[in-house]
């Protein structure tokens, strides 16, 4: 049995259709990394990621696990990282290789994930690929009241694309808040797990609260309805960043 490794990476998701391998497009992070690393390591590499990210979404911290027969990946780590970064596109950065327990899983061993969503309100060509431009008055206090409602919520059926009555739509929200920094508004949310499209749907709906298109009571009723069509539109993926993944220290060797 080959040793198992965690690959710590970051990527600019602008040019990709998310992390997950898709039959109809080669432009996913998973597909490109699997192809490049298989060629470099002279063995078939299968990467299992810590979660899916949508088209255009970025990851400042991402982990994927893989098994490899190469015995010097740790002892010659810096050399291997240099070679790996040389063979992958410049919008993907491989940061570290970590030896883990044989049963460690990048997805299922994670105890929490943190996302941030960035909005800018003054046109800025230097952040356009990483932040959503939204013009007009946005009441951040109202959105923080909506965030407090989210922290008390468990069932997020109203904020996911998946139309499956048997799916588990329960999430444990640990942090949820908005802050204003100069010309930007930033949303932070941390949970044990996220549903497909959930953060973008939450942000889109909270913005309807912040622009006073709906009330806080409306927002509560949207949650209780457990109906995706009652919530707001999913906001563009380019402002969404996966920024942290938490793992128990016991999985690392």
Protein backbone atom coordinates (compact mmCIF):
# COMPACT_ATOMS: atom_id res chain seq x y z
CA UNK A 1 0.00 0.00 0.00
CA UNK A 2 1.44 3.36 -1.05
CA UNK A 3 1.78 6.25 1.43
CA UNK A 4 -0.92 8.91 1.39
CA UNK A 5 -0.17 12.61 0.99
CA UNK A 6 -2.08 15.85 1.32
CA UNK A 7 -1.30 18.40 -1.38
CA UNK A 8 -1.76 21.97 -0.13
CA UNK A 9 -2.55 24.32 -3.02
CA UNK A 10 -4.16 27.59 -4.03
CA UNK A 11 -5.73 28.66 -7.30
CA UNK A 12 -7.25 31.50 -9.23
CA UNK A 13 -10.48 29.94 -10.49
CA UNK A 14 -11.22 32.52 -13.21
CA UNK A 15 -10.37 30.25 -16.15
CA UNK A 16 -11.74 27.01 -14.72
CA UNK A 17 -15.06 25.20 -14.42
CA UNK A 18 -14.45 24.60 -10.72
CA UNK A 19 -12.47 21.84 -9.01
CA UNK A 20 -14.43 18.74 -9.96
CA UNK A 21 -13.55 16.58 -12.97
CA UNK A 22 -16.22 16.85 -15.69
CA UNK A 23 -16.54 14.71 -18.80
CA UNK A 24 -17.50 17.63 -21.03
CA UNK A 25 -14.61 19.96 -20.17
CA UNK A 26 -10.90 19.52 -19.45
CA UNK A 27 -10.74 22.92 -17.77
CA UNK A 28 -11.11 21.85 -14.15
CA UNK A 29 -8.43 22.08 -11.48
CA UNK A 30 -8.69 18.37 -10.65
CA UNK A 31 -8.29 17.21 -14.24
CA UNK A 32 -5.30 19.43 -14.98
CA UNK A 33 -3.47 18.52 -11.76
CA UNK A 34 -4.10 14.79 -12.19
CA UNK A 35 -2.75 14.86 -15.74
CA UNK A 36 0.34 16.94 -14.92
CA UNK A 37 1.26 15.08 -11.72
CA UNK A 38 0.76 11.68 -13.36
CA UNK A 39 3.24 12.66 -16.07
CA UNK A 40 5.72 14.12 -13.59
CA UNK A 41 5.61 11.22 -11.10
CA UNK A 42 5.39 8.51 -13.81
CA UNK A 43 2.37 6.90 -12.16
CA UNK A 44 -1.41 7.37 -12.30
CA UNK A 45 -2.33 10.01 -9.74
CA UNK A 46 -5.91 10.35 -8.51
CA UNK A 47 -6.61 13.46 -6.46
CA UNK A 48 -9.51 13.62 -4.02
CA UNK A 49 -10.29 17.24 -3.17
CA UNK A 50 -11.56 18.74 0.08
CA UNK A 51 -14.71 19.90 -1.73
CA UNK A 52 -16.18 21.20 -4.94
CA UNK A 53 -15.84 24.81 -5.96
CA UNK A 54 -18.09 26.31 -8.64
CA UNK A 55 -16.99 27.82 -11.94
CA UNK A 56 -14.89 30.94 -11.36
CA UNK A 57 -14.56 30.42 -7.60
CA UNK A 58 -11.09 30.85 -6.07
CA UNK A 59 -9.25 28.93 -3.36
CA UNK A 60 -6.62 30.58 -1.18
CA UNK A 61 -6.32 27.33 0.77
CA UNK A 62 -7.26 23.96 -0.71
CA UNK A 63 -6.23 20.38 0.07
CA UNK A 64 -6.37 17.22 -2.00
CA UNK A 65 -5.09 13.77 -1.09
CA UNK A 66 -3.34 11.22 -3.27
CA UNK A 67 -1.39 7.98 -2.92
CA UNK A 68 2.06 7.66 -4.47
CA UNK A 69 4.85 5.11 -4.70
CA UNK A 70 7.48 7.87 -4.79
CA UNK A 71 9.56 7.46 -1.64
CA UNK A 72 11.28 10.87 -1.61
CA UNK A 73 8.28 13.24 -1.85
CA UNK A 74 8.89 14.40 1.73
CA UNK A 75 12.68 14.10 1.98
CA UNK A 76 13.04 16.11 -1.27
CA UNK A 77 9.89 18.17 -0.80
CA UNK A 78 11.20 21.53 -2.03
CA UNK A 79 12.62 19.99 -5.17
CA UNK A 80 9.35 18.20 -5.93
CA UNK A 81 7.29 21.33 -5.26
CA UNK A 82 9.54 23.28 -7.64
CA UNK A 83 9.05 20.65 -10.35
CA UNK A 84 5.30 20.49 -9.76
CA UNK A 85 4.86 24.25 -9.93
CA UNK A 86 6.93 24.32 -13.10
CA UNK A 87 4.57 21.91 -14.87
CA UNK A 88 1.18 23.34 -13.83
CA UNK A 89 -0.47 26.56 -15.09
CA UNK A 90 0.60 29.79 -13.39
CA UNK A 91 -2.85 30.33 -11.89
CA UNK A 92 -2.40 27.22 -9.73
CA UNK A 93 0.20 27.17 -6.92
CA UNK A 94 1.32 24.03 -5.08
CA UNK A 95 2.38 25.11 -1.60
CA UNK A 96 3.18 21.99 0.41
CA UNK A 97 3.18 18.18 0.47
CA UNK A 98 2.23 16.57 3.78
CA UNK A 99 2.46 12.92 4.78
CA UNK A 100 -0.80 11.77 6.42
CA UNK A 101 -2.34 8.65 7.93
CA UNK A 102 -3.49 6.00 5.44
CA UNK A 103 -7.16 6.66 6.26
CA UNK A 104 -6.92 10.48 6.06
CA UNK A 105 -9.33 11.96 3.54
CA UNK A 106 -9.11 15.53 2.26
CA UNK A 107 -12.88 15.78 2.09
CA UNK A 108 -14.23 13.66 4.94
CA UNK A 109 -11.50 14.35 7.51
CA UNK A 110 -12.14 18.12 7.35
CA UNK A 111 -13.91 19.47 10.43
CA UNK A 112 -14.65 22.96 9.07
CA UNK A 113 -14.39 25.12 5.97
CA UNK A 114 -14.30 28.93 5.74
CA UNK A 115 -15.39 31.03 2.77
CA UNK A 116 -15.19 34.76 2.17
CA UNK A 117 -17.18 36.72 -0.39
CA UNK A 118 -15.78 40.06 -1.61
CA UNK A 119 -17.83 42.98 -2.95
CA UNK A 120 -16.38 46.30 -4.11
CA UNK A 121 -18.46 49.45 -4.56
CA UNK A 122 -15.98 51.64 -6.42
CA UNK A 123 -14.90 50.43 -9.89
CA UNK A 124 -11.44 48.90 -9.65
CA UNK A 125 -9.74 47.03 -12.52
CA UNK A 126 -7.30 45.37 -10.10
CA UNK A 127 -9.96 43.41 -8.19
CA UNK A 128 -12.52 42.71 -10.93
CA UNK A 129 -11.57 39.02 -11.21
CA UNK A 130 -11.76 38.46 -7.46
CA UNK A 131 -14.65 40.62 -6.28
CA UNK A 132 -18.18 41.48 -7.38
CA UNK A 133 -18.87 45.13 -8.23
CA UNK A 134 -22.20 46.25 -6.80
CA UNK A 135 -23.33 49.86 -7.03
CA UNK A 136 -25.66 51.59 -4.59
CA UNK A 137 -26.51 51.66 -0.90
CA UNK A 138 -26.10 48.41 0.99
CA UNK A 139 -27.17 48.27 4.64
CA UNK A 140 -24.53 46.09 6.29
CA UNK A 141 -26.30 46.22 9.67
CA UNK A 142 -29.39 44.61 8.18
CA UNK A 143 -27.24 41.94 6.52
CA UNK A 144 -25.55 41.19 9.83
CA UNK A 145 -28.98 40.70 11.37
CA UNK A 146 -29.68 38.24 8.54
CA UNK A 147 -26.34 36.58 9.34
CA UNK A 148 -27.47 36.09 12.94
CA UNK A 149 -30.55 34.29 11.63
CA UNK A 150 -28.31 32.07 9.50
CA UNK A 151 -26.22 31.12 12.55
CA UNK A 152 -29.38 29.72 14.19
CA UNK A 153 -30.40 27.84 11.04
CA UNK A 154 -29.64 24.14 10.45
CA UNK A 155 -31.58 23.24 7.27
CA UNK A 156 -30.32 25.09 4.16
CA UNK A 157 -32.58 23.48 1.56
CA UNK A 158 -33.61 26.96 0.36
CA UNK A 159 -30.03 27.75 -0.64
CA UNK A 160 -28.89 24.76 -2.66
CA UNK A 161 -29.23 23.70 -6.30
CA UNK A 162 -29.65 20.03 -5.48
CA UNK A 163 -33.28 18.98 -5.88
CA UNK A 164 -33.21 15.76 -3.89
CA UNK A 165 -35.63 15.15 -1.03
CA UNK A 166 -33.32 12.48 0.41
CA UNK A 167 -30.20 14.66 0.47
CA UNK A 168 -28.80 15.93 3.76
CA UNK A 169 -29.21 19.70 3.82
CA UNK A 170 -28.15 20.15 7.45
CA UNK A 171 -25.12 22.37 8.11
CA UNK A 172 -23.59 23.60 11.37
CA UNK A 173 -22.70 27.29 10.98
CA UNK A 174 -19.85 28.36 13.28
CA UNK A 175 -19.21 31.93 12.04
CA UNK A 176 -21.26 34.22 9.83
CA UNK A 177 -20.79 38.00 9.52
CA UNK A 178 -20.25 41.01 7.24
CA UNK A 179 -17.60 43.73 7.60
CA UNK A 180 -16.93 46.91 5.65
CA UNK A 181 -13.33 47.72 4.75
CA UNK A 182 -12.84 51.00 2.87
CA UNK A 183 -14.68 50.55 -0.44
CA UNK A 184 -15.25 46.83 0.07
CA UNK A 185 -17.80 44.67 1.86
CA UNK A 186 -16.67 41.19 2.93
CA UNK A 187 -18.81 38.26 4.04
CA UNK A 188 -17.26 35.47 6.10
CA UNK A 189 -18.94 32.13 6.80
CA UNK A 190 -17.51 29.03 8.49
CA UNK A 191 -19.30 25.69 8.74
CA UNK A 192 -18.70 21.99 9.08
CA UNK A 193 -19.95 21.55 5.49
CA UNK A 194 -21.55 23.50 2.65
CA UNK A 195 -24.15 22.53 0.08
CA UNK A 196 -23.73 23.04 -3.64
CA UNK A 197 -24.12 26.74 -4.51
CA UNK A 198 -25.03 27.53 -0.89
CA UNK A 199 -22.73 30.48 -0.16
CA UNK A 200 -23.52 32.26 -3.43
CA UNK A 201 -27.26 31.80 -2.81
CA UNK A 202 -26.95 33.08 0.76
CA UNK A 203 -25.01 36.16 -0.37
CA UNK A 204 -27.48 36.88 -3.17
CA UNK A 205 -30.42 36.66 -0.77
CA UNK A 206 -28.76 38.69 2.00
CA UNK A 207 -28.03 41.41 -0.54
CA UNK A 208 -31.77 41.62 -1.15
CA UNK A 209 -32.10 42.31 2.58
CA UNK A 210 -29.24 44.83 2.47
CA UNK A 211 -30.78 46.70 -0.48
CA UNK A 212 -34.20 46.54 1.23
CA UNK A 213 -35.90 44.51 -1.49
CA UNK A 214 -37.00 42.07 1.18
CA UNK A 215 -37.37 42.32 4.96
CA UNK A 216 -35.74 40.24 7.68
CA UNK A 217 -39.12 38.56 8.18
CA UNK A 218 -39.14 37.68 4.47
CA UNK A 219 -35.65 36.26 4.89
CA UNK A 220 -36.79 34.03 7.75
CA UNK A 221 -39.77 32.85 5.70
CA UNK A 222 -37.45 31.96 2.79
CA UNK A 223 -35.43 29.72 5.13
CA UNK A 224 -38.57 28.07 6.53
CA UNK A 225 -40.02 27.49 3.05
CA UNK A 226 -37.22 25.02 2.18
CA UNK A 227 -37.73 26.11 -1.42
CA UNK A 228 -34.79 27.31 -3.54
CA UNK A 229 -37.08 29.28 -5.87
CA UNK A 230 -38.16 31.54 -2.97
CA UNK A 231 -34.57 32.72 -2.28
CA UNK A 232 -32.56 35.29 -4.20
CA UNK A 233 -30.37 34.68 -7.23
CA UNK A 234 -26.93 33.17 -6.74
CA UNK A 235 -24.34 35.91 -7.02
CA UNK A 236 -21.39 35.55 -9.42
CA UNK A 237 -18.71 33.08 -8.36
CA UNK A 238 -15.74 35.40 -8.91
CA UNK A 239 -16.10 37.10 -5.52
CA UNK A 240 -16.09 33.78 -3.64
CA UNK A 241 -12.91 32.47 -2.02
CA UNK A 242 -12.33 29.28 -0.06
CA UNK A 243 -9.88 30.56 2.54
CA UNK A 244 -9.40 27.85 5.17
CA UNK A 245 -9.87 24.13 5.82
CA UNK A 246 -9.60 22.72 9.34
CA UNK A 247 -8.30 19.21 10.04
CA UNK A 248 -7.56 17.32 13.26
CA UNK A 249 -3.81 17.28 13.93
CA UNK A 250 -3.94 13.49 14.45
CA UNK A 251 -4.18 12.78 10.70
CA UNK A 252 -0.74 14.25 10.00
CA UNK A 253 2.46 12.23 10.41
